[in-house]
């Protein structure tokens, strides 16, 4: 059995210096190393110290050797070469406060920081400092969260979870319904390209629009209806009638939909009892909660990931590509909701 290794018994002055470094050391690394020496003096093995401090065994062994060779000086980090950081801890804290006030204006932030600290900081250094402070630069999102009732939102989440569990047990089919439009003037996706040669598609101030009304299930089923005409209450009713006609007569179906005016119109509500007689039941989402409607994921994937850039060359080609994706859903493309 290998002999266990411990530091030589500490003198009282050594214990006092190590205890002071452990409790009041400027750097966490020094405090941890001092703690390791004290634990070794108390009879803890290298393996035990490694487990207590959650560090590698060879690191503990190295600290013991450094202590034996040079005492406290051996476990203190030596000054490193290189220019000291331009921004100190106080500057980083002020940077967080300024970016909260002006999250989209890096040049204004740069000027404010220089005015307050007298330090000239490049925009590259500022971005690096912000990343170090766990900030990222992303497009600002439109959000409806501030307008919704959180209690109603949570209740709807619970209802949808229960409906999904019943679907998993085979008690019914669950579909998420929504409308979306595709046109040549739609937002195009991000793409990689050589520097100085960005990918380009023709710009259109006006374009025809292909409207898609879809019913999407987590099981990979997609029922859809398309039109180049404006979507009205009658269009939505026609899409629901198609769903009723296509489903098996004895299958119970639940459809989740939002509170768009077409979904709440008098003509639409008059059809609800008829659809219920065919075992199709509707569940409305809480207001201002589009993230609960899973078909929104399908629209994003189609527009920003699956549609090729060549689809935007003509409206006819765009329609062909959209129909190709819709017809191939579940085979060529699919979404894993797990």
Protein backbone atom coordinates (compact mmCIF):
# COMPACT_ATOMS: atom_id res chain seq x y z
CA UNK A 1 0.00 0.00 0.00
CA UNK A 2 1.41 3.40 -1.03
CA UNK A 3 2.43 5.73 1.78
CA UNK A 4 0.03 8.63 2.31
CA UNK A 5 1.53 12.07 1.93
CA UNK A 6 0.94 15.06 4.23
CA UNK A 7 2.68 18.39 4.73
CA UNK A 8 5.12 18.70 7.59
CA UNK A 9 3.42 19.76 10.83
CA UNK A 10 2.72 23.48 10.72
CA UNK A 11 4.18 25.88 13.21
CA UNK A 12 1.83 28.31 14.94
CA UNK A 13 2.99 31.30 12.78
CA UNK A 14 2.47 29.19 9.63
CA UNK A 15 -1.02 28.24 10.75
CA UNK A 16 -1.85 31.90 11.42
CA UNK A 17 -0.60 33.04 7.99
CA UNK A 18 -2.43 30.25 6.18
CA UNK A 19 -5.65 30.85 8.14
CA UNK A 20 -5.46 34.55 7.30
CA UNK A 21 -4.88 33.75 3.60
CA UNK A 22 -7.79 31.27 3.64
CA UNK A 23 -10.24 33.77 5.16
CA UNK A 24 -9.01 37.07 3.74
CA UNK A 25 -6.98 36.28 0.60
CA UNK A 26 -7.59 38.65 -2.34
CA UNK A 27 -7.96 35.83 -4.85
CA UNK A 28 -10.08 32.70 -4.70
CA UNK A 29 -7.15 30.59 -5.95
CA UNK A 30 -4.99 31.61 -2.97
CA UNK A 31 -7.80 30.96 -0.50
CA UNK A 32 -8.33 27.47 -1.96
CA UNK A 33 -4.61 26.59 -1.86
CA UNK A 34 -4.29 27.78 1.75
CA UNK A 35 -7.32 25.68 2.62
CA UNK A 36 -5.66 22.63 1.04
CA UNK A 37 -2.50 23.06 3.14
CA UNK A 38 -4.56 23.42 6.32
CA UNK A 39 -6.58 20.30 5.46
CA UNK A 40 -3.38 18.33 4.87
CA UNK A 41 -2.04 19.46 8.24
CA UNK A 42 -5.28 18.18 9.81
CA UNK A 43 -4.65 14.70 8.37
CA UNK A 44 -6.73 14.71 5.20
CA UNK A 45 -5.28 12.73 2.29
CA UNK A 46 -4.69 14.21 -1.16
CA UNK A 47 -7.70 12.31 -2.50
CA UNK A 48 -9.91 13.64 0.28
CA UNK A 49 -8.73 17.23 -0.27
CA UNK A 50 -9.34 16.83 -4.01
CA UNK A 51 -12.92 15.75 -3.34
CA UNK A 52 -13.57 18.47 -0.74
CA UNK A 53 -12.30 21.29 -2.96
CA UNK A 54 -13.55 19.74 -6.25
CA UNK A 55 -10.15 20.00 -7.96
CA UNK A 56 -7.86 17.53 -9.68
CA UNK A 57 -5.63 15.36 -7.52
CA UNK A 58 -2.45 16.48 -9.30
CA UNK A 59 -3.33 20.12 -8.52
CA UNK A 60 -3.46 19.37 -4.78
CA UNK A 61 -0.18 17.49 -5.00
CA UNK A 62 1.44 20.45 -6.80
CA UNK A 63 0.22 22.89 -4.11
CA UNK A 64 1.76 20.74 -1.36
CA UNK A 65 5.09 20.68 -3.20
CA UNK A 66 5.02 24.46 -3.72
CA UNK A 67 4.30 24.99 -0.02
CA UNK A 68 7.14 22.68 1.03
CA UNK A 69 9.55 24.43 -1.35
CA UNK A 70 8.70 28.10 -0.70
CA UNK A 71 6.09 28.37 2.03
CA UNK A 72 3.32 30.91 1.54
CA UNK A 73 5.19 32.54 -1.36
CA UNK A 74 4.98 29.24 -3.22
CA UNK A 75 1.18 29.23 -3.37
CA UNK A 76 0.73 32.91 -4.23
CA UNK A 77 0.27 33.63 -7.96
CA UNK A 78 3.24 35.44 -9.42
CA UNK A 79 2.72 38.61 -11.46
CA UNK A 80 2.07 37.79 -15.10
CA UNK A 81 3.54 39.53 -18.09
CA UNK A 82 1.33 41.56 -20.40
CA UNK A 83 -0.63 44.77 -20.27
CA UNK A 84 -3.03 45.09 -17.31
CA UNK A 85 -6.73 45.11 -18.25
CA UNK A 86 -8.03 48.52 -19.27
CA UNK A 87 -11.33 48.13 -17.40
CA UNK A 88 -11.31 47.35 -13.70
CA UNK A 89 -14.10 45.76 -11.65
CA UNK A 90 -15.80 49.13 -11.04
CA UNK A 91 -15.73 49.88 -14.79
CA UNK A 92 -17.34 46.53 -15.56
CA UNK A 93 -20.13 47.23 -13.07
CA UNK A 94 -20.73 50.67 -14.58
CA UNK A 95 -20.73 49.11 -18.05
CA UNK A 96 -23.59 46.81 -16.98
CA UNK A 97 -25.58 49.81 -15.76
CA UNK A 98 -25.00 51.80 -18.95
CA UNK A 99 -25.88 48.94 -21.29
CA UNK A 100 -29.16 48.49 -19.39
CA UNK A 101 -29.97 52.15 -20.21
CA UNK A 102 -28.84 52.05 -23.85
CA UNK A 103 -28.74 48.39 -24.97
CA UNK A 104 -28.65 49.22 -28.69
CA UNK A 105 -26.28 52.20 -28.84
CA UNK A 106 -22.69 51.01 -28.45
CA UNK A 107 -21.19 54.34 -29.58
CA UNK A 108 -23.19 56.36 -27.06
CA UNK A 109 -22.16 53.89 -24.36
CA UNK A 110 -18.54 54.23 -25.48
CA UNK A 111 -18.70 58.03 -25.15
CA UNK A 112 -20.40 57.88 -21.73
CA UNK A 113 -17.82 55.49 -20.35
CA UNK A 114 -14.96 57.67 -21.61
CA UNK A 115 -16.57 60.79 -20.13
CA UNK A 116 -17.01 59.18 -16.72
CA UNK A 117 -13.73 57.25 -16.45
CA UNK A 118 -11.38 59.15 -18.73
CA UNK A 119 -10.52 55.84 -20.43
CA UNK A 120 -10.59 55.55 -24.21
CA UNK A 121 -12.09 52.16 -24.96
CA UNK A 122 -12.55 50.80 -28.48
CA UNK A 123 -15.86 49.32 -29.55
CA UNK A 124 -14.10 45.95 -29.96
CA UNK A 125 -12.94 46.05 -26.33
CA UNK A 126 -16.43 47.04 -25.19
CA UNK A 127 -18.02 44.13 -27.04
CA UNK A 128 -15.45 41.77 -25.54
CA UNK A 129 -16.18 43.13 -22.05
CA UNK A 130 -19.93 42.75 -22.57
CA UNK A 131 -19.50 39.14 -23.65
CA UNK A 132 -17.35 38.52 -20.59
CA UNK A 133 -20.24 39.93 -18.51
CA UNK A 134 -22.60 37.39 -20.13
CA UNK A 135 -24.26 39.74 -22.59
CA UNK A 136 -24.98 38.88 -26.21
CA UNK A 137 -25.90 40.98 -29.23
CA UNK A 138 -29.21 39.80 -30.69
CA UNK A 139 -32.06 41.26 -32.61
CA UNK A 140 -34.65 42.89 -30.34
CA UNK A 141 -37.85 40.89 -30.22
CA UNK A 142 -41.42 42.07 -30.34
CA UNK A 143 -43.18 40.65 -27.31
CA UNK A 144 -46.77 40.48 -26.09
CA UNK A 145 -45.88 39.18 -22.62
CA UNK A 146 -46.55 42.50 -20.90
CA UNK A 147 -50.14 42.47 -22.17
CA UNK A 148 -51.18 39.00 -21.10
CA UNK A 149 -52.71 37.69 -17.90
CA UNK A 150 -50.04 35.45 -16.33
CA UNK A 151 -52.56 33.43 -14.33
CA UNK A 152 -54.57 32.69 -17.47
CA UNK A 153 -51.34 31.87 -19.31
CA UNK A 154 -50.25 29.35 -16.64
CA UNK A 155 -53.70 27.77 -16.58
CA UNK A 156 -53.59 27.35 -20.37
CA UNK A 157 -50.13 25.77 -20.10
CA UNK A 158 -51.52 23.25 -17.62
CA UNK A 159 -54.50 22.49 -19.85
CA UNK A 160 -52.27 21.91 -22.89
CA UNK A 161 -50.02 19.61 -20.89
CA UNK A 162 -53.04 17.56 -19.83
CA UNK A 163 -54.30 17.41 -23.44
CA UNK A 164 -50.87 16.24 -24.63
CA UNK A 165 -50.83 13.51 -21.99
CA UNK A 166 -54.28 12.33 -23.10
CA UNK A 167 -53.08 12.36 -26.70
CA UNK A 168 -50.07 10.23 -25.69
CA UNK A 169 -52.50 7.71 -24.17
CA UNK A 170 -54.42 7.58 -27.45
CA UNK A 171 -57.58 9.22 -26.12
CA UNK A 172 -57.74 11.84 -28.89
CA UNK A 173 -55.76 13.60 -31.61
CA UNK A 174 -54.44 17.07 -30.81
CA UNK A 175 -53.89 19.69 -33.52
CA UNK A 176 -52.55 23.25 -33.37
CA UNK A 177 -54.17 25.62 -35.88
CA UNK A 178 -52.93 28.91 -37.32
CA UNK A 179 -52.61 30.92 -40.52
CA UNK A 180 -49.40 32.20 -42.12
CA UNK A 181 -48.46 33.99 -45.33
CA UNK A 182 -45.58 33.60 -47.78
CA UNK A 183 -44.53 36.29 -50.25
CA UNK A 184 -41.42 37.48 -52.10
CA UNK A 185 -41.26 40.51 -49.82
CA UNK A 186 -41.16 38.35 -46.68
CA UNK A 187 -38.13 38.45 -44.40
CA UNK A 188 -35.39 36.27 -45.84
CA UNK A 189 -33.13 34.09 -43.66
CA UNK A 190 -29.55 34.71 -42.57
CA UNK A 191 -26.94 33.01 -44.78
CA UNK A 192 -23.15 32.50 -44.92
CA UNK A 193 -21.35 34.20 -47.80
CA UNK A 194 -17.82 35.35 -48.73
CA UNK A 195 -16.78 38.64 -47.14
CA UNK A 196 -17.78 41.51 -49.39
CA UNK A 197 -20.11 39.31 -51.45
CA UNK A 198 -23.34 38.91 -49.49
CA UNK A 199 -26.08 36.64 -50.79
CA UNK A 200 -28.76 38.65 -52.56
CA UNK A 201 -32.32 38.10 -53.69
CA UNK A 202 -34.42 40.55 -55.65
CA UNK A 203 -36.28 43.14 -53.61
CA UNK A 204 -40.03 43.46 -54.09
CA UNK A 205 -42.04 46.35 -52.70
CA UNK A 206 -45.24 44.47 -53.53
CA UNK A 207 -45.80 40.76 -53.96
CA UNK A 208 -48.63 38.31 -54.19
CA UNK A 209 -49.16 36.33 -51.04
CA UNK A 210 -49.77 32.62 -50.57
CA UNK A 211 -51.78 32.09 -47.39
CA UNK A 212 -51.55 28.76 -45.60
CA UNK A 213 -54.02 27.56 -42.98
CA UNK A 214 -52.60 24.58 -41.15
CA UNK A 215 -53.45 21.99 -38.51
CA UNK A 216 -50.28 20.47 -37.02
CA UNK A 217 -50.00 17.57 -34.57
CA UNK A 218 -47.00 16.55 -32.48
CA UNK A 219 -47.31 13.10 -34.06
CA UNK A 220 -46.17 14.42 -37.44
CA UNK A 221 -49.55 14.96 -39.08
CA UNK A 222 -50.23 18.13 -41.07
CA UNK A 223 -53.57 19.09 -42.61
CA UNK A 224 -53.44 22.32 -44.60
CA UNK A 225 -55.43 24.59 -46.89
CA UNK A 226 -53.84 27.22 -49.18
CA UNK A 227 -55.21 30.24 -51.01
CA UNK A 228 -53.91 33.32 -52.78
CA UNK A 229 -57.04 35.21 -51.75
CA UNK A 230 -57.41 37.18 -48.53
CA UNK A 231 -58.13 35.02 -45.49
CA UNK A 232 -61.63 35.62 -44.18
CA UNK A 233 -63.93 33.88 -41.73
CA UNK A 234 -65.31 31.84 -44.64
CA UNK A 235 -61.77 30.71 -45.55
CA UNK A 236 -61.13 29.54 -42.00
CA UNK A 237 -64.48 27.72 -41.86
CA UNK A 238 -63.64 25.97 -45.14
CA UNK A 239 -60.30 24.79 -43.66
CA UNK A 240 -62.07 23.38 -40.59
CA UNK A 241 -64.67 21.68 -42.76
CA UNK A 242 -61.84 19.98 -44.67
CA UNK A 243 -60.33 18.74 -41.40
CA UNK A 244 -63.70 17.29 -40.33
CA UNK A 245 -64.14 15.60 -43.72
CA UNK A 246 -60.67 14.03 -43.65
CA UNK A 247 -60.64 12.62 -40.12
CA UNK A 248 -61.99 9.18 -39.24
CA UNK A 249 -65.65 9.42 -38.06
CA UNK A 250 -64.96 7.75 -34.70
CA UNK A 251 -61.78 9.77 -33.95
CA UNK A 252 -62.06 12.50 -31.32
CA UNK A 253 -60.06 15.60 -32.29
CA UNK A 254 -59.05 18.63 -30.21
CA UNK A 255 -57.94 21.77 -32.06
CA UNK A 256 -55.95 24.52 -30.30
CA UNK A 257 -56.26 28.01 -31.82
CA UNK A 258 -55.68 31.65 -30.93
CA UNK A 259 -58.16 34.45 -30.40
CA UNK A 260 -58.00 36.10 -33.83
CA UNK A 261 -61.17 37.97 -34.75
CA UNK A 262 -61.97 35.42 -37.47
CA UNK A 263 -61.88 32.67 -34.86
CA UNK A 264 -64.36 34.55 -32.67
CA UNK A 265 -66.73 35.82 -35.36
CA UNK A 266 -70.45 35.04 -35.21
CA UNK A 267 -70.33 32.90 -38.36
CA UNK A 268 -67.40 30.87 -37.00
CA UNK A 269 -69.04 30.29 -33.63
CA UNK A 270 -72.22 29.07 -35.31
CA UNK A 271 -70.16 26.22 -36.81
CA UNK A 272 -68.67 25.09 -33.50
CA UNK A 273 -71.66 22.97 -32.46
CA UNK A 274 -71.72 21.32 -35.89
CA UNK A 275 -68.02 20.41 -35.62
CA UNK A 276 -68.55 19.11 -32.09
CA UNK A 277 -71.22 16.75 -33.46
CA UNK A 278 -68.43 15.30 -35.63
CA UNK A 279 -66.21 14.89 -32.53
CA UNK A 280 -64.04 17.98 -33.19
CA UNK A 281 -63.63 20.18 -30.12
CA UNK A 282 -61.96 23.63 -30.04
CA UNK A 283 -59.72 25.01 -27.28
CA UNK A 284 -58.78 28.69 -27.31
CA UNK A 285 -55.36 29.81 -26.10
CA UNK A 286 -54.99 32.53 -23.48
CA UNK A 287 -54.64 35.99 -25.02
CA UNK A 288 -51.19 37.16 -26.18
CA UNK A 289 -49.46 33.78 -25.90
CA UNK A 290 -48.36 32.77 -29.41
CA UNK A 291 -45.51 30.64 -28.00
CA UNK A 292 -48.10 28.10 -26.82
CA UNK A 293 -49.20 27.44 -30.40
CA UNK A 294 -46.75 24.82 -31.66
CA UNK A 295 -47.54 25.39 -35.34
CA UNK A 296 -45.68 28.72 -35.04
CA UNK A 297 -42.51 26.60 -34.99
CA UNK A 298 -43.44 25.12 -38.38
CA UNK A 299 -43.89 28.56 -39.95
CA UNK A 300 -40.49 29.70 -38.66
CA UNK A 301 -38.75 26.58 -39.90
CA UNK A 302 -40.27 26.89 -43.35
CA UNK A 303 -39.45 30.58 -43.75
CA UNK A 304 -35.99 30.69 -42.20
CA UNK A 305 -34.55 27.18 -42.62
CA UNK A 306 -36.31 24.97 -45.17
CA UNK A 307 -37.20 27.28 -48.05
CA UNK A 308 -34.31 27.58 -50.55
CA UNK A 309 -33.27 31.08 -51.61
CA UNK A 310 -34.21 30.19 -55.19
CA UNK A 311 -37.85 30.08 -54.03
CA UNK A 312 -37.91 33.90 -54.02
CA UNK A 313 -37.09 34.29 -57.73
CA UNK A 314 -40.74 34.25 -58.71
CA UNK A 315 -44.09 33.93 -56.99
CA UNK A 316 -44.84 30.75 -58.93
CA UNK A 317 -41.63 29.13 -57.70
CA UNK A 318 -42.35 30.27 -54.15
CA UNK A 319 -45.77 28.61 -54.26
CA UNK A 320 -44.25 25.40 -55.64
CA UNK A 321 -41.62 25.27 -52.90
CA UNK A 322 -44.12 25.99 -50.12
CA UNK A 323 -46.41 23.23 -51.39
CA UNK A 324 -43.45 20.86 -51.68
CA UNK A 325 -42.59 21.45 -48.01
CA UNK A 326 -46.20 21.07 -46.89
CA UNK A 327 -46.72 17.86 -48.85
CA UNK A 328 -43.42 16.39 -47.64
CA UNK A 329 -43.88 17.24 -43.97
CA UNK A 330 -43.30 14.20 -41.81
CA UNK A 331 -41.16 12.55 -44.51
CA UNK A 332 -38.65 15.06 -45.92
CA UNK A 333 -38.86 17.45 -42.95
CA UNK A 334 -40.25 17.13 -39.45
CA UNK A 335 -40.14 18.81 -36.05
CA UNK A 336 -39.20 16.90 -32.92
CA UNK A 337 -41.36 18.41 -30.18
CA UNK A 338 -39.72 16.31 -27.50
